[in-house]
Structures are given as structure tokens and as C-alpha cells.
Amino acid sequence: MSIVFAVSGTSGSGRSSIAHLACKLLDGLDLATSYTTRKRLVDKGDSDFVFTSRETFEHMIERKEFLEYASSFGNYYGTPIHHFQQAREKGHDLLIQVDDEGTQHIKETIPDAVSILILPGRAAHDPHEPGSTIEPTALSHFQEASLQIQTPNRDKYDHVIVNDRLEDSVNRLAEIIRSERSRARVAQV
């Protein structure tokens, strides 16, 4: 039985780094690659995405090829269902990086999916803290986004990780995955 881990977090939370490192740390954990219609960013590593046309994406929607998808800022983002099918065939678990809406869709489709919210720690939002990942001019945008996701939606998640230190957050995510795997094994007996 494969477990789906839906990991969500605001921009600047460290979600992508934590997800990639956890997948390297744990055997039998596959990382889903999202499809998107947005333009590739030249100056950023875009290995988390498969870039496709709007027409192709919409055909995939019509054929029900997505586990979840959403439109954000005029672009589509989605997780193809074949990632889940491939993980299940290999006996692996699947980690999916999604936004809050995507997490809700996954939980509707796969009620046993484990939802994990990653919040940026204090260093991420304070440009004066060592290790800050934010420019002072962007501070208000991150604070607003962080407040939006921290308040009403926080209770919808099975687990919450505050990313004060990357290594600790990766270890916490790995601990959550190990615990959920143990719980699933016990439930099968």
C-alpha cells in the first residue's frame, strides 16, 4: 500500500528543499514532478516541473490524467496521476509538493493521504536574521502569505513543520514519513 504525502508551504518556506532532501534520505519515497503551463524561469532551477502547453494541459484535464490541478496567476499546475500509479507499482510512497488547494484536492481523492504544512521559520521572514532567505522589500508579501496560510487552513493539515533550520525540518519530515509508514503497517495487520 502506497502512502501519498502532500507537502504544502508558502513561497520561502523551504518546501522544495525539504522535499528533495527527504526523498534522498528515505528509501522507497518518490517525488512527483508537477506539470505547468507557466514559462520556464531562466535563472532558477526548474527541475520540479514539466513544462507543457495550455492545450496539452487541458487535454490532460479532459482525460482525467491529474491527481490534482489548479490554475494560479493564469497558469495551470498539476500532479499527473501516473506518478501515483508508478509509485504504487514499485511499492513506493509518493511525496507531492502542492499548494493549499492542491492538498485539499488530494485529500478528497485519496482520504488516507497525509498532509504536511511547512511554514517559514523566523529567520526566513526576518531580513536581519542570519540565514534569512528574504529581501527586505519582499517582507510584507511573505508575512501576508504566511499569515493567510497559518490561520484558517492550519487545522486542515495532519502535520505542521516550522522551518527554523533546514536540517531539522528535513529530519522532522523524515520522522513523520517513518511514523506514518509504521502506522500503515500496523493498520494492515
C-alpha atoms as a PDB file:
ATOM      1  CA  MET A   1       0.000   0.000   0.000  1.00  0.00           C
ATOM      2  CA  SER A   2       1.488   3.306  -1.097  1.00  0.00           C
ATOM      3  CA  ILE A   3       1.117   6.403   1.053  1.00  0.00           C
ATOM      4  CA  VAL A   4       0.742   9.823  -0.540  1.00  0.00           C
ATOM      5  CA  PHE A   5       2.380  12.690   1.343  1.00  0.00           C
ATOM      6  CA  ALA A   6       1.038  16.085   0.233  1.00  0.00           C
ATOM      7  CA  VAL A   7       3.532  18.745   1.299  1.00  0.00           C
ATOM      8  CA  SER A   8       2.385  22.340   1.138  1.00  0.00           C
ATOM      9  CA  GLY A   9       4.002  25.624   2.071  1.00  0.00           C
ATOM     10  CA  THR A  10       4.215  29.264   1.150  1.00  0.00           C
ATOM     11  CA  SER A  11       6.932  30.665  -1.057  1.00  0.00           C
ATOM     12  CA  GLY A  12      10.062  30.990   1.050  1.00  0.00           C
ATOM     13  CA  SER A  13       9.087  28.181   3.427  1.00  0.00           C
ATOM     14  CA  GLY A  14      11.779  25.824   2.116  1.00  0.00           C
ATOM     15  CA  ARG A  15       9.219  23.247   0.986  1.00  0.00           C
ATOM     16  CA  SER A  16      11.083  22.245  -2.175  1.00  0.00           C
ATOM     17  CA  SER A  17      14.474  21.875  -0.473  1.00  0.00           C
ATOM     18  CA  ILE A  18      12.967  19.890   2.378  1.00  0.00           C
ATOM     19  CA  ALA A  19      11.063  17.603  -0.017  1.00  0.00           C
ATOM     20  CA  HIS A  20      14.114  16.892  -2.195  1.00  0.00           C
ATOM     21  CA  LEU A  21      16.370  16.179   0.779  1.00  0.00           C
ATOM     22  CA  ALA A  22      13.799  13.910   2.445  1.00  0.00           C
ATOM     23  CA  CYS A  23      13.492  11.871  -0.762  1.00  0.00           C
ATOM     24  CA  LYS A  24      17.273  11.427  -0.817  1.00  0.00           C
ATOM     25  CA  LEU A  25      17.244  10.407   2.850  1.00  0.00           C
ATOM     26  CA  LEU A  26      14.451   7.813   2.680  1.00  0.00           C
ATOM     27  CA  ASP A  27      14.268   4.688   0.543  1.00  0.00           C
ATOM     28  CA  GLY A  28      11.039   3.945  -1.272  1.00  0.00           C
ATOM     29  CA  LEU A  29       9.914   7.559  -1.454  1.00  0.00           C
ATOM     30  CA  ASP A  30       9.312   9.012  -4.914  1.00  0.00           C
ATOM     31  CA  LEU A  31       8.961  12.719  -5.613  1.00  0.00           C
ATOM     32  CA  ALA A  32       6.221  13.692  -8.067  1.00  0.00           C
ATOM     33  CA  THR A  33       7.076  16.208 -10.754  1.00  0.00           C
ATOM     34  CA  SER A  34       4.362  18.785 -11.358  1.00  0.00           C
ATOM     35  CA  TYR A  35       3.230  19.833 -14.801  1.00  0.00           C
ATOM     36  CA  THR A  36       2.748  23.520 -15.536  1.00  0.00           C
ATOM     37  CA  THR A  37       1.868  25.877 -18.357  1.00  0.00           C
ATOM     38  CA  ARG A  38       3.959  28.727 -16.952  1.00  0.00           C
ATOM     39  CA  LYS A  39       7.098  29.870 -18.705  1.00  0.00           C
ATOM     40  CA  ARG A  40      10.398  28.345 -17.637  1.00  0.00           C
ATOM     41  CA  LEU A  41      12.450  30.690 -15.443  1.00  0.00           C
ATOM     42  CA  VAL A  42      15.946  31.002 -16.872  1.00  0.00           C
ATOM     43  CA  ASP A  43      17.682  31.979 -13.628  1.00  0.00           C
ATOM     44  CA  LYS A  44      16.068  29.311 -11.437  1.00  0.00           C
ATOM     45  CA  GLY A  45      16.368  25.578 -11.269  1.00  0.00           C
ATOM     46  CA  ASP A  46      13.041  24.355 -12.612  1.00  0.00           C
ATOM     47  CA  SER A  47      13.572  20.632 -12.114  1.00  0.00           C
ATOM     48  CA  ASP A  48      10.334  20.415 -10.096  1.00  0.00           C
ATOM     49  CA  PHE A  49       8.285  20.996 -13.265  1.00  0.00           C
ATOM     50  CA  VAL A  50       7.475  19.549 -16.651  1.00  0.00           C
ATOM     51  CA  PHE A  51       6.616  22.486 -18.901  1.00  0.00           C
ATOM     52  CA  THR A  52       3.762  21.973 -21.334  1.00  0.00           C
ATOM     53  CA  SER A  53       1.385  23.985 -23.461  1.00  0.00           C
ATOM     54  CA  ARG A  54      -2.004  25.113 -22.221  1.00  0.00           C
ATOM     55  CA  GLU A  55      -3.639  22.987 -24.932  1.00  0.00           C
ATOM     56  CA  THR A  56      -1.789  19.836 -23.834  1.00  0.00           C
ATOM     57  CA  PHE A  57      -2.591  20.516 -20.178  1.00  0.00           C
ATOM     58  CA  GLU A  58      -6.289  21.000 -20.936  1.00  0.00           C
ATOM     59  CA  HIS A  59      -6.351  17.732 -22.920  1.00  0.00           C
ATOM     60  CA  MET A  60      -4.823  16.011 -19.886  1.00  0.00           C
ATOM     61  CA  ILE A  61      -7.582  17.511 -17.724  1.00  0.00           C
ATOM     62  CA  GLU A  62     -10.252  16.220 -20.136  1.00  0.00           C
ATOM     63  CA  ARG A  63      -8.679  12.733 -19.996  1.00  0.00           C
ATOM     64  CA  LYS A  64      -8.621  12.904 -16.158  1.00  0.00           C
ATOM     65  CA  GLU A  65      -4.844  12.452 -16.071  1.00  0.00           C
ATOM     66  CA  PHE A  66      -4.300  14.609 -12.983  1.00  0.00           C
ATOM     67  CA  LEU A  67      -4.453  13.612  -9.349  1.00  0.00           C
ATOM     68  CA  GLU A  68      -4.941  17.311  -8.676  1.00  0.00           C
ATOM     69  CA  TYR A  69      -4.606  20.515 -10.649  1.00  0.00           C
ATOM     70  CA  ALA A  70      -5.291  24.206 -10.226  1.00  0.00           C
ATOM     71  CA  SER A  71      -4.999  27.499 -12.016  1.00  0.00           C
ATOM     72  CA  SER A  72      -2.823  30.126 -10.391  1.00  0.00           C
ATOM     73  CA  PHE A  73      -1.883  33.527 -11.796  1.00  0.00           C
ATOM     74  CA  GLY A  74      -3.155  32.484 -15.228  1.00  0.00           C
ATOM     75  CA  ASN A  75      -1.173  29.230 -15.394  1.00  0.00           C
ATOM     76  CA  TYR A  76      -2.089  25.633 -14.725  1.00  0.00           C
ATOM     77  CA  TYR A  77      -0.210  23.467 -12.241  1.00  0.00           C
ATOM     78  CA  GLY A  78      -0.962  19.809 -11.632  1.00  0.00           C
ATOM     79  CA  THR A  79       0.257  16.410 -10.484  1.00  0.00           C
ATOM     80  CA  PRO A  80      -0.258  13.644 -13.043  1.00  0.00           C
ATOM     81  CA  ILE A  81      -1.925  10.548 -11.655  1.00  0.00           C
ATOM     82  CA  HIS A  82       0.702   8.345 -13.338  1.00  0.00           C
ATOM     83  CA  HIS A  83       3.197   9.332 -10.614  1.00  0.00           C
ATOM     84  CA  PHE A  84       0.935   7.694  -8.028  1.00  0.00           C
ATOM     85  CA  GLN A  85       0.358   4.640 -10.231  1.00  0.00           C
ATOM     86  CA  GLN A  86       4.118   4.193 -10.816  1.00  0.00           C
ATOM     87  CA  ALA A  87       4.928   4.561  -7.112  1.00  0.00           C
ATOM     88  CA  ARG A  88       2.230   2.037  -6.217  1.00  0.00           C
ATOM     89  CA  GLU A  89       3.520  -0.459  -8.816  1.00  0.00           C
ATOM     90  CA  LYS A  90       7.008  -0.208  -7.281  1.00  0.00           C
ATOM     91  CA  GLY A  91       5.662  -0.443  -3.720  1.00  0.00           C
ATOM     92  CA  HIS A  92       6.907   3.093  -3.024  1.00  0.00           C
ATOM     93  CA  ASP A  93       5.311   6.045  -1.298  1.00  0.00           C
ATOM     94  CA  LEU A  94       4.816   9.340  -3.116  1.00  0.00           C
ATOM     95  CA  LEU A  95       5.676  12.850  -1.970  1.00  0.00           C
ATOM     96  CA  ILE A  96       3.818  15.614  -3.805  1.00  0.00           C
ATOM     97  CA  GLN A  97       4.596  19.324  -3.489  1.00  0.00           C
ATOM     98  CA  VAL A  98       1.351  21.258  -3.757  1.00  0.00           C
ATOM     99  CA  ASP A  99      -0.332  24.437  -2.643  1.00  0.00           C
ATOM    100  CA  ASP A 100      -3.141  24.568  -0.094  1.00  0.00           C
ATOM    101  CA  GLU A 101      -5.820  23.988  -2.743  1.00  0.00           C
ATOM    102  CA  GLY A 102      -3.903  21.015  -4.177  1.00  0.00           C
ATOM    103  CA  THR A 103      -3.645  19.466  -0.726  1.00  0.00           C
ATOM    104  CA  GLN A 104      -7.415  19.703  -0.325  1.00  0.00           C
ATOM    105  CA  HIS A 105      -7.986  18.060  -3.734  1.00  0.00           C
ATOM    106  CA  ILE A 106      -5.602  15.217  -2.888  1.00  0.00           C
ATOM    107  CA  LYS A 107      -7.330  14.622   0.459  1.00  0.00           C
ATOM    108  CA  GLU A 108     -10.690  14.485  -1.371  1.00  0.00           C
ATOM    109  CA  THR A 109      -9.336  11.985  -3.924  1.00  0.00           C
ATOM    110  CA  ILE A 110      -7.188   9.965  -1.502  1.00  0.00           C
ATOM    111  CA  PRO A 111      -8.642  10.386   2.003  1.00  0.00           C
ATOM    112  CA  ASP A 112      -5.723   8.470   3.570  1.00  0.00           C
ATOM    113  CA  ALA A 113      -3.170  10.887   2.104  1.00  0.00           C
ATOM    114  CA  VAL A 114      -1.014  12.577   4.745  1.00  0.00           C
ATOM    115  CA  SER A 115      -0.996  16.372   4.569  1.00  0.00           C
ATOM    116  CA  ILE A 116       2.010  18.311   5.827  1.00  0.00           C
ATOM    117  CA  LEU A 117       2.252  22.086   6.028  1.00  0.00           C
ATOM    118  CA  ILE A 118       5.682  23.711   6.057  1.00  0.00           C
ATOM    119  CA  LEU A 119       5.804  27.221   7.451  1.00  0.00           C
ATOM    120  CA  PRO A 120       8.780  29.536   7.136  1.00  0.00           C
ATOM    121  CA  GLY A 121      10.679  29.984  10.373  1.00  0.00           C
ATOM    122  CA  ARG A 122      11.652  33.296  11.891  1.00  0.00           C
ATOM    123  CA  ALA A 123      14.945  33.522  10.004  1.00  0.00           C
ATOM    124  CA  ALA A 124      13.109  33.164   6.688  1.00  0.00           C
ATOM    125  CA  HIS A 125      10.949  36.217   7.297  1.00  0.00           C
ATOM    126  CA  ASP A 126      13.342  38.474   9.140  1.00  0.00           C
ATOM    127  CA  PRO A 127      15.846  40.037   6.736  1.00  0.00           C
ATOM    128  CA  HIS A 128      18.027  40.993   9.707  1.00  0.00           C
ATOM    129  CA  GLU A 129      18.400  37.394  10.948  1.00  0.00           C
ATOM    130  CA  PRO A 130      21.391  35.321   9.868  1.00  0.00           C
ATOM    131  CA  GLY A 131      20.243  32.782   7.288  1.00  0.00           C
ATOM    132  CA  SER A 132      17.361  34.922   6.100  1.00  0.00           C
ATOM    133  CA  THR A 133      16.072  33.928   2.679  1.00  0.00           C
ATOM    134  CA  ILE A 134      14.057  37.073   2.061  1.00  0.00           C
ATOM    135  CA  GLU A 135      14.769  40.515   0.718  1.00  0.00           C
ATOM    136  CA  PRO A 136      13.591  43.353   2.994  1.00  0.00           C
ATOM    137  CA  THR A 137      11.278  44.728   0.265  1.00  0.00           C
ATOM    138  CA  ALA A 138       9.524  41.359  -0.056  1.00  0.00           C
ATOM    139  CA  LEU A 139       8.999  41.019   3.684  1.00  0.00           C
ATOM    140  CA  SER A 140       5.406  42.277   3.729  1.00  0.00           C
ATOM    141  CA  HIS A 141       4.377  39.877   0.928  1.00  0.00           C
ATOM    142  CA  PHE A 142       5.795  36.870   2.762  1.00  0.00           C
ATOM    143  CA  GLN A 143       4.300  37.934   6.082  1.00  0.00           C
ATOM    144  CA  GLU A 144       0.894  38.320   4.479  1.00  0.00           C
ATOM    145  CA  ALA A 145       1.094  34.931   2.729  1.00  0.00           C
ATOM    146  CA  SER A 146       2.379  33.291   5.882  1.00  0.00           C
ATOM    147  CA  LEU A 147      -0.448  34.718   7.953  1.00  0.00           C
ATOM    148  CA  GLN A 148      -3.034  33.591   5.402  1.00  0.00           C
ATOM    149  CA  ILE A 149      -1.816  30.005   5.451  1.00  0.00           C
ATOM    150  CA  GLN A 150      -1.161  29.888   9.198  1.00  0.00           C
ATOM    151  CA  THR A 151      -4.588  30.925  10.380  1.00  0.00           C
ATOM    152  CA  PRO A 152      -7.680  29.218   8.958  1.00  0.00           C
ATOM    153  CA  ASN A 153      -6.045  26.408   6.965  1.00  0.00           C
ATOM    154  CA  ARG A 154      -3.549  25.157   9.515  1.00  0.00           C
ATOM    155  CA  ASP A 155      -6.113  22.897  11.184  1.00  0.00           C
ATOM    156  CA  LYS A 156      -6.726  21.085   7.873  1.00  0.00           C
ATOM    157  CA  TYR A 157      -3.243  19.543   7.938  1.00  0.00           C
ATOM    158  CA  ASP A 158      -2.199  16.309   9.613  1.00  0.00           C
ATOM    159  CA  HIS A 159       1.248  17.725  10.477  1.00  0.00           C
ATOM    160  CA  VAL A 160       2.882  21.159  10.606  1.00  0.00           C
ATOM    161  CA  ILE A 161       6.619  21.821  10.379  1.00  0.00           C
ATOM    162  CA  VAL A 162       8.070  25.249  11.146  1.00  0.00           C
ATOM    163  CA  ASN A 163      11.258  25.523   9.118  1.00  0.00           C
ATOM    164  CA  ASP A 164      13.593  27.287  11.515  1.00  0.00           C
ATOM    165  CA  ARG A 165      16.565  25.188  10.386  1.00  0.00           C
ATOM    166  CA  LEU A 166      16.694  23.190   7.141  1.00  0.00           C
ATOM    167  CA  GLU A 167      18.397  20.092   8.580  1.00  0.00           C
ATOM    168  CA  ASP A 168      15.924  19.883  11.476  1.00  0.00           C
ATOM    169  CA  SER A 169      12.971  20.301   9.113  1.00  0.00           C
ATOM    170  CA  VAL A 170      14.219  17.544   6.785  1.00  0.00           C
ATOM    171  CA  ASN A 171      14.661  15.242   9.788  1.00  0.00           C
ATOM    172  CA  ARG A 172      11.176  16.155  11.057  1.00  0.00           C
ATOM    173  CA  LEU A 173       9.632  15.352   7.672  1.00  0.00           C
ATOM    174  CA  ALA A 174      11.531  12.039   7.566  1.00  0.00           C
ATOM    175  CA  GLU A 175      10.281  11.287  11.097  1.00  0.00           C
ATOM    176  CA  ILE A 176       6.678  11.994  10.036  1.00  0.00           C
ATOM    177  CA  ILE A 177       7.033   9.713   6.995  1.00  0.00           C
ATOM    178  CA  ARG A 178       8.544   6.890   9.062  1.00  0.00           C
ATOM    179  CA  SER A 179       5.776   7.240  11.649  1.00  0.00           C
ATOM    180  CA  GLU A 180       3.020   7.194   9.019  1.00  0.00           C
ATOM    181  CA  ARG A 181       4.612   4.154   7.369  1.00  0.00           C
ATOM    182  CA  SER A 182       4.637   2.344  10.724  1.00  0.00           C
ATOM    183  CA  ARG A 183       1.024   3.315  11.352  1.00  0.00           C
ATOM    184  CA  ALA A 184       0.003   1.972   7.917  1.00  0.00           C
ATOM    185  CA  ARG A 185       1.809  -1.340   8.532  1.00  0.00           C
ATOM    186  CA  VAL A 186       0.061  -1.775  11.891  1.00  0.00           C
ATOM    187  CA  ALA A 187      -3.315  -0.980  10.311  1.00  0.00           C
ATOM    188  CA  GLN A 188      -2.784  -3.734   7.705  1.00  0.00           C
ATOM    189  CA  VAL A 189      -2.239  -6.418  10.366  1.00  0.00           C
END
